[in-house]
Amino acid sequence: MSSSSISELREKHKQELESLTLTSQPFQTLKLFILAIAKYIKKSLVYLFTHGVWLMLLAVVTVAGAVWFLSSNGPRGKHVEELLAYARFVLWWVALGVASSIGLGELRSGLHTFVLYLGPHIAFFTIKAMQCGRVDIKSAIYDTIQLNRSPSWLKKACSEFGPALFSTPHGIQVPLTSILPKVQVEAILWGLGTALGELPPYFISRAGLLYF
């Protein structure tokens, strides 16, 4: 085969990879994604069985300890509930970021998950903070908008939080630098999710190049 033919095939293959998206070719995209994931899982298992005996032992001990911790009753039950609340909080915002990155938010409702969830959450918190003159209105860091659940502070009266802390002769003025730290964790987790959502196309493209 001549070098020009090889170049043409490479260019054609490159164009096919660029046009390979979940919306244009869903079945082919999912097929290549599953093959890429299966390949990496196989390589990882081979490495673990040959080099990672101690890693596997550590994983087994960790899982066993986690199961014992979660299933045990008594004083630590409160700590388990708190841990699960943090886990739900992290998974919720990361999942929204992933959904936004792969287009599920647009396919379902025509809107971005930032517009549907993160944006309103930041706006509601800012409005509430400006009304009450304080930013310590969350009961915990995970007290945010989540699936089928509103934050506890959204419908509370400002009197329940105490007097305004940012009151001035010109009225309540809450600085932006005080509001940002209260919503930045959700924004960072959402951004992390959008980054994770870009990994499947990367693995698909990489698998296609290796296959070629």
C-alpha atoms as a PDB file:
ATOM      1  CA  MET A   1       0.000   0.000   0.000  1.00  0.00           C
ATOM      2  CA  SER A   2       1.423   3.387  -1.017  1.00  0.00           C
ATOM      3  CA  SER A   3       2.111   6.185   1.450  1.00  0.00           C
ATOM      4  CA  SER A   4      -0.591   8.365  -0.154  1.00  0.00           C
ATOM      5  CA  SER A   5      -3.207   5.652   0.420  1.00  0.00           C
ATOM      6  CA  ILE A   6      -2.137   5.327   4.042  1.00  0.00           C
ATOM      7  CA  SER A   7      -2.387   9.092   4.483  1.00  0.00           C
ATOM      8  CA  GLU A   8      -5.868   9.101   2.951  1.00  0.00           C
ATOM      9  CA  LEU A   9      -6.979   6.310   5.287  1.00  0.00           C
ATOM     10  CA  ARG A  10      -5.588   8.119   8.285  1.00  0.00           C
ATOM     11  CA  GLU A  11      -7.353  11.325   7.282  1.00  0.00           C
ATOM     12  CA  LYS A  12     -10.627   9.468   6.720  1.00  0.00           C
ATOM     13  CA  HIS A  13     -10.287   7.742  10.082  1.00  0.00           C
ATOM     14  CA  LYS A  14      -9.578  11.077  11.752  1.00  0.00           C
ATOM     15  CA  GLN A  15     -12.716  12.606  10.234  1.00  0.00           C
ATOM     16  CA  GLU A  16     -14.791   9.626  11.384  1.00  0.00           C
ATOM     17  CA  LEU A  17     -13.509  10.030  14.953  1.00  0.00           C
ATOM     18  CA  GLU A  18     -14.294  13.760  14.925  1.00  0.00           C
ATOM     19  CA  SER A  19     -17.862  13.093  13.780  1.00  0.00           C
ATOM     20  CA  LEU A  20     -18.360  10.304  16.323  1.00  0.00           C
ATOM     21  CA  THR A  21     -20.661  11.735  19.027  1.00  0.00           C
ATOM     22  CA  LEU A  22     -23.375  10.394  21.285  1.00  0.00           C
ATOM     23  CA  THR A  23     -26.071  12.317  19.419  1.00  0.00           C
ATOM     24  CA  SER A  24     -24.987  11.575  15.846  1.00  0.00           C
ATOM     25  CA  GLN A  25     -23.942   7.912  16.219  1.00  0.00           C
ATOM     26  CA  PRO A  26     -25.186   6.709  19.630  1.00  0.00           C
ATOM     27  CA  PHE A  27     -24.838   2.954  19.081  1.00  0.00           C
ATOM     28  CA  GLN A  28     -21.360   3.126  17.563  1.00  0.00           C
ATOM     29  CA  THR A  29     -20.243   5.562  20.279  1.00  0.00           C
ATOM     30  CA  LEU A  30     -21.542   3.370  23.084  1.00  0.00           C
ATOM     31  CA  LYS A  31     -20.031   0.280  21.468  1.00  0.00           C
ATOM     32  CA  LEU A  32     -16.566   1.838  21.254  1.00  0.00           C
ATOM     33  CA  PHE A  33     -16.905   3.261  24.758  1.00  0.00           C
ATOM     34  CA  ILE A  34     -17.783  -0.159  26.194  1.00  0.00           C
ATOM     35  CA  LEU A  35     -14.891  -1.781  24.307  1.00  0.00           C
ATOM     36  CA  ALA A  36     -12.465   0.877  25.582  1.00  0.00           C
ATOM     37  CA  ILE A  37     -13.647   0.518  29.172  1.00  0.00           C
ATOM     38  CA  ALA A  38     -13.481  -3.283  28.941  1.00  0.00           C
ATOM     39  CA  LYS A  39      -9.931  -3.055  27.610  1.00  0.00           C
ATOM     40  CA  TYR A  40      -8.775  -0.784  30.427  1.00  0.00           C
ATOM     41  CA  ILE A  41     -10.512  -2.917  33.058  1.00  0.00           C
ATOM     42  CA  LYS A  42      -8.795  -6.003  31.642  1.00  0.00           C
ATOM     43  CA  LYS A  43      -5.392  -4.296  31.713  1.00  0.00           C
ATOM     44  CA  SER A  44      -6.016  -3.084  35.257  1.00  0.00           C
ATOM     45  CA  LEU A  45      -7.038  -6.545  36.461  1.00  0.00           C
ATOM     46  CA  VAL A  46      -3.991  -8.135  34.842  1.00  0.00           C
ATOM     47  CA  TYR A  47      -1.759  -5.571  36.538  1.00  0.00           C
ATOM     48  CA  LEU A  48      -3.427  -6.129  39.897  1.00  0.00           C
ATOM     49  CA  PHE A  49      -3.151  -9.902  39.690  1.00  0.00           C
ATOM     50  CA  THR A  50       0.518  -9.721  38.684  1.00  0.00           C
ATOM     51  CA  HIS A  51       1.776  -6.737  40.673  1.00  0.00           C
ATOM     52  CA  GLY A  52      -0.949  -5.594  43.016  1.00  0.00           C
ATOM     53  CA  VAL A  53      -1.533  -8.370  45.520  1.00  0.00           C
ATOM     54  CA  TRP A  54      -1.071  -5.947  48.388  1.00  0.00           C
ATOM     55  CA  LEU A  55      -3.377  -3.446  46.724  1.00  0.00           C
ATOM     56  CA  MET A  56      -6.094  -6.087  46.444  1.00  0.00           C
ATOM     57  CA  LEU A  57      -5.608  -7.056  50.080  1.00  0.00           C
ATOM     58  CA  LEU A  58      -5.858  -3.411  51.119  1.00  0.00           C
ATOM     59  CA  ALA A  59      -9.034  -3.001  49.048  1.00  0.00           C
ATOM     60  CA  VAL A  60     -10.635  -6.062  50.657  1.00  0.00           C
ATOM     61  CA  VAL A  61      -9.787  -4.817  54.155  1.00  0.00           C
ATOM     62  CA  THR A  62     -11.091  -1.333  53.302  1.00  0.00           C
ATOM     63  CA  VAL A  63     -14.377  -2.661  51.917  1.00  0.00           C
ATOM     64  CA  ALA A  64     -14.830  -4.991  54.888  1.00  0.00           C
ATOM     65  CA  GLY A  65     -14.186  -2.126  57.302  1.00  0.00           C
ATOM     66  CA  ALA A  66     -16.635   0.126  55.454  1.00  0.00           C
ATOM     67  CA  VAL A  67     -19.339  -2.560  55.526  1.00  0.00           C
ATOM     68  CA  TRP A  68     -18.796  -3.124  59.244  1.00  0.00           C
ATOM     69  CA  PHE A  69     -18.863   0.619  59.925  1.00  0.00           C
ATOM     70  CA  LEU A  70     -22.072   1.217  57.961  1.00  0.00           C
ATOM     71  CA  SER A  71     -23.903  -1.810  59.338  1.00  0.00           C
ATOM     72  CA  SER A  72     -23.046  -1.255  62.986  1.00  0.00           C
ATOM     73  CA  ASN A  73     -25.519   0.391  65.335  1.00  0.00           C
ATOM     74  CA  GLY A  74     -24.946   2.590  68.338  1.00  0.00           C
ATOM     75  CA  PRO A  75     -23.375   6.022  68.831  1.00  0.00           C
ATOM     76  CA  ARG A  76     -21.674   5.998  65.439  1.00  0.00           C
ATOM     77  CA  GLY A  77     -25.038   5.848  63.648  1.00  0.00           C
ATOM     78  CA  LYS A  78     -25.204   9.653  63.649  1.00  0.00           C
ATOM     79  CA  HIS A  79     -21.750   9.843  62.086  1.00  0.00           C
ATOM     80  CA  VAL A  80     -22.780   7.329  59.414  1.00  0.00           C
ATOM     81  CA  GLU A  81     -25.798   9.451  58.489  1.00  0.00           C
ATOM     82  CA  GLU A  82     -23.580  12.525  58.280  1.00  0.00           C
ATOM     83  CA  LEU A  83     -21.109  10.676  56.080  1.00  0.00           C
ATOM     84  CA  LEU A  84     -23.892   9.489  53.776  1.00  0.00           C
ATOM     85  CA  ALA A  85     -25.255  13.038  53.538  1.00  0.00           C
ATOM     86  CA  TYR A  86     -21.848  14.268  52.391  1.00  0.00           C
ATOM     87  CA  ALA A  87     -21.619  11.398  49.893  1.00  0.00           C
ATOM     88  CA  ARG A  88     -25.044  12.209  48.424  1.00  0.00           C
ATOM     89  CA  PHE A  89     -24.071  15.870  48.208  1.00  0.00           C
ATOM     90  CA  VAL A  90     -20.868  15.099  46.290  1.00  0.00           C
ATOM     91  CA  LEU A  91     -22.473  12.533  43.977  1.00  0.00           C
ATOM     92  CA  TRP A  92     -25.397  14.842  43.195  1.00  0.00           C
ATOM     93  CA  TRP A  93     -23.338  17.803  42.029  1.00  0.00           C
ATOM     94  CA  VAL A  94     -20.728  15.689  40.235  1.00  0.00           C
ATOM     95  CA  ALA A  95     -23.504  13.776  38.449  1.00  0.00           C
ATOM     96  CA  LEU A  96     -25.069  17.058  37.335  1.00  0.00           C
ATOM     97  CA  GLY A  97     -21.737  18.124  35.897  1.00  0.00           C
ATOM     98  CA  VAL A  98     -21.346  14.826  34.051  1.00  0.00           C
ATOM     99  CA  ALA A  99     -24.910  15.064  32.709  1.00  0.00           C
ATOM    100  CA  SER A 100     -24.204  18.569  31.482  1.00  0.00           C
ATOM    101  CA  SER A 101     -20.980  17.547  29.772  1.00  0.00           C
ATOM    102  CA  ILE A 102     -22.449  14.581  27.871  1.00  0.00           C
ATOM    103  CA  GLY A 103     -25.598  16.455  26.899  1.00  0.00           C
ATOM    104  CA  LEU A 104     -28.235  14.725  29.042  1.00  0.00           C
ATOM    105  CA  GLY A 105     -29.436  18.045  30.425  1.00  0.00           C
ATOM    106  CA  GLU A 106     -30.047  19.395  26.936  1.00  0.00           C
ATOM    107  CA  LEU A 107     -31.646  16.192  25.623  1.00  0.00           C
ATOM    108  CA  ARG A 108     -34.132  15.944  28.470  1.00  0.00           C
ATOM    109  CA  SER A 109     -35.347  19.518  28.804  1.00  0.00           C
ATOM    110  CA  GLY A 110     -33.469  21.658  26.326  1.00  0.00           C
ATOM    111  CA  LEU A 111     -31.623  23.404  29.160  1.00  0.00           C
ATOM    112  CA  HIS A 112     -28.145  23.122  30.614  1.00  0.00           C
ATOM    113  CA  THR A 113     -27.853  21.627  34.124  1.00  0.00           C
ATOM    114  CA  PHE A 114     -26.177  24.861  35.210  1.00  0.00           C
ATOM    115  CA  VAL A 115     -29.349  26.722  34.232  1.00  0.00           C
ATOM    116  CA  LEU A 116     -31.542  24.059  35.837  1.00  0.00           C
ATOM    117  CA  TYR A 117     -29.743  23.536  39.160  1.00  0.00           C
ATOM    118  CA  LEU A 118     -26.433  25.247  39.918  1.00  0.00           C
ATOM    119  CA  GLY A 119     -27.430  28.697  38.672  1.00  0.00           C
ATOM    120  CA  PRO A 120     -30.748  28.776  40.590  1.00  0.00           C
ATOM    121  CA  HIS A 121     -29.054  27.444  43.723  1.00  0.00           C
ATOM    122  CA  ILE A 122     -26.464  30.246  43.653  1.00  0.00           C
ATOM    123  CA  ALA A 123     -29.165  32.819  42.886  1.00  0.00           C
ATOM    124  CA  PHE A 124     -31.483  31.605  45.686  1.00  0.00           C
ATOM    125  CA  PHE A 125     -28.650  31.582  48.207  1.00  0.00           C
ATOM    126  CA  THR A 126     -27.515  35.073  47.200  1.00  0.00           C
ATOM    127  CA  ILE A 127     -31.063  36.468  47.429  1.00  0.00           C
ATOM    128  CA  LYS A 128     -31.612  34.855  50.832  1.00  0.00           C
ATOM    129  CA  ALA A 129     -28.269  36.133  52.129  1.00  0.00           C
ATOM    130  CA  MET A 130     -29.080  39.646  50.934  1.00  0.00           C
ATOM    131  CA  GLN A 131     -32.510  39.506  52.559  1.00  0.00           C
ATOM    132  CA  CYS A 132     -31.229  38.216  55.895  1.00  0.00           C
ATOM    133  CA  GLY A 133     -27.928  40.090  55.951  1.00  0.00           C
ATOM    134  CA  ARG A 134     -25.868  37.008  56.750  1.00  0.00           C
ATOM    135  CA  VAL A 135     -24.343  34.046  54.921  1.00  0.00           C
ATOM    136  CA  ASP A 136     -24.328  31.425  57.708  1.00  0.00           C
ATOM    137  CA  ILE A 137     -27.791  30.197  56.778  1.00  0.00           C
ATOM    138  CA  LYS A 138     -26.870  26.645  55.773  1.00  0.00           C
ATOM    139  CA  SER A 139     -27.284  23.936  58.386  1.00  0.00           C
ATOM    140  CA  ALA A 140     -24.341  22.112  56.776  1.00  0.00           C
ATOM    141  CA  ILE A 141     -22.262  22.283  53.629  1.00  0.00           C
ATOM    142  CA  TYR A 142     -24.581  19.730  51.991  1.00  0.00           C
ATOM    143  CA  ASP A 143     -27.683  21.828  52.696  1.00  0.00           C
ATOM    144  CA  THR A 144     -28.286  22.577  49.006  1.00  0.00           C
ATOM    145  CA  ILE A 145     -30.766  21.862  46.244  1.00  0.00           C
ATOM    146  CA  GLN A 146     -30.769  18.105  45.624  1.00  0.00           C
ATOM    147  CA  LEU A 147     -33.000  15.563  43.927  1.00  0.00           C
ATOM    148  CA  ASN A 148     -36.600  16.047  45.137  1.00  0.00           C
ATOM    149  CA  ARG A 149     -35.346  18.103  48.083  1.00  0.00           C
ATOM    150  CA  SER A 150     -35.033  21.821  48.759  1.00  0.00           C
ATOM    151  CA  PRO A 151     -32.476  23.327  51.147  1.00  0.00           C
ATOM    152  CA  SER A 152     -33.708  23.952  54.675  1.00  0.00           C
ATOM    153  CA  TRP A 153     -32.848  27.668  54.561  1.00  0.00           C
ATOM    154  CA  LEU A 154     -34.926  28.449  51.486  1.00  0.00           C
ATOM    155  CA  LYS A 155     -38.308  28.797  53.226  1.00  0.00           C
ATOM    156  CA  LYS A 156     -37.123  29.877  56.652  1.00  0.00           C
ATOM    157  CA  ALA A 157     -37.776  33.375  57.953  1.00  0.00           C
ATOM    158  CA  CYS A 158     -34.723  35.564  58.469  1.00  0.00           C
ATOM    159  CA  SER A 159     -35.604  35.869  62.160  1.00  0.00           C
ATOM    160  CA  GLU A 160     -34.736  32.182  62.588  1.00  0.00           C
ATOM    161  CA  PHE A 161     -31.117  32.903  61.643  1.00  0.00           C
ATOM    162  CA  GLY A 162     -30.664  35.851  63.983  1.00  0.00           C
ATOM    163  CA  PRO A 163     -29.958  39.551  63.399  1.00  0.00           C
ATOM    164  CA  ALA A 164     -28.281  40.737  60.212  1.00  0.00           C
ATOM    165  CA  LEU A 165     -24.485  40.713  60.330  1.00  0.00           C
ATOM    166  CA  PHE A 166     -23.918  42.944  57.303  1.00  0.00           C
ATOM    167  CA  SER A 167     -26.208  45.830  58.175  1.00  0.00           C
ATOM    168  CA  THR A 168     -25.065  49.335  57.179  1.00  0.00           C
ATOM    169  CA  PRO A 169     -26.657  52.805  57.402  1.00  0.00           C
ATOM    170  CA  HIS A 170     -27.594  52.361  53.747  1.00  0.00           C
ATOM    171  CA  GLY A 171     -29.237  48.982  54.327  1.00  0.00           C
ATOM    172  CA  ILE A 172     -28.073  45.385  54.143  1.00  0.00           C
ATOM    173  CA  GLN A 173     -25.013  44.925  51.938  1.00  0.00           C
ATOM    174  CA  VAL A 174     -23.512  41.455  51.877  1.00  0.00           C
ATOM    175  CA  PRO A 175     -20.089  41.443  50.173  1.00  0.00           C
ATOM    176  CA  LEU A 176     -19.570  39.058  47.270  1.00  0.00           C
ATOM    177  CA  THR A 177     -16.425  37.716  48.923  1.00  0.00           C
ATOM    178  CA  SER A 178     -18.597  36.390  51.750  1.00  0.00           C
ATOM    179  CA  ILE A 179     -21.113  34.709  49.461  1.00  0.00           C
ATOM    180  CA  LEU A 180     -18.658  32.954  47.147  1.00  0.00           C
ATOM    181  CA  PRO A 181     -17.134  30.608  49.775  1.00  0.00           C
ATOM    182  CA  LYS A 182     -20.640  29.373  50.639  1.00  0.00           C
ATOM    183  CA  VAL A 183     -21.409  28.192  47.090  1.00  0.00           C
ATOM    184  CA  GLN A 184     -17.972  27.439  45.684  1.00  0.00           C
ATOM    185  CA  VAL A 185     -17.904  23.770  46.745  1.00  0.00           C
ATOM    186  CA  GLU A 186     -21.036  23.008  44.696  1.00  0.00           C
ATOM    187  CA  ALA A 187     -19.578  24.884  41.732  1.00  0.00           C
ATOM    188  CA  ILE A 188     -16.250  23.023  41.979  1.00  0.00           C
ATOM    189  CA  LEU A 189     -17.977  19.633  42.173  1.00  0.00           C
ATOM    190  CA  TRP A 190     -20.161  20.525  39.187  1.00  0.00           C
ATOM    191  CA  GLY A 191     -17.070  21.599  37.249  1.00  0.00           C
ATOM    192  CA  LEU A 192     -15.330  18.356  38.196  1.00  0.00           C
ATOM    193  CA  GLY A 193     -18.312  16.465  36.811  1.00  0.00           C
ATOM    194  CA  THR A 194     -18.104  18.308  33.497  1.00  0.00           C
ATOM    195  CA  ALA A 195     -14.433  17.324  33.282  1.00  0.00           C
ATOM    196  CA  LEU A 196     -15.233  13.674  34.025  1.00  0.00           C
ATOM    197  CA  GLY A 197     -17.913  13.743  31.338  1.00  0.00           C
ATOM    198  CA  GLU A 198     -15.232  14.497  28.753  1.00  0.00           C
ATOM    199  CA  LEU A 199     -13.367  11.262  29.527  1.00  0.00           C
ATOM    200  CA  PRO A 200     -15.594   8.871  27.489  1.00  0.00           C
ATOM    201  CA  PRO A 201     -14.943  10.729  24.185  1.00  0.00           C
ATOM    202  CA  TYR A 202     -11.237  10.713  25.018  1.00  0.00           C
ATOM    203  CA  PHE A 203     -11.180   6.963  25.638  1.00  0.00           C
ATOM    204  CA  ILE A 204     -13.238   6.354  22.504  1.00  0.00           C
ATOM    205  CA  SER A 205     -10.842   8.382  20.371  1.00  0.00           C
ATOM    206  CA  ARG A 206      -7.853   6.706  21.969  1.00  0.00           C
ATOM    207  CA  ALA A 207      -9.346   3.255  21.409  1.00  0.00           C
ATOM    208  CA  GLY A 208     -10.060   4.127  17.791  1.00  0.00           C
ATOM    209  CA  LEU A 209      -6.491   5.278  17.194  1.00  0.00           C
ATOM    210  CA  LEU A 210      -5.053   2.184  18.832  1.00  0.00           C
ATOM    211  CA  TYR A 211      -7.384  -0.035  16.829  1.00  0.00           C
ATOM    212  CA  PHE A 212      -6.326   1.660  13.616  1.00  0.00           C
END
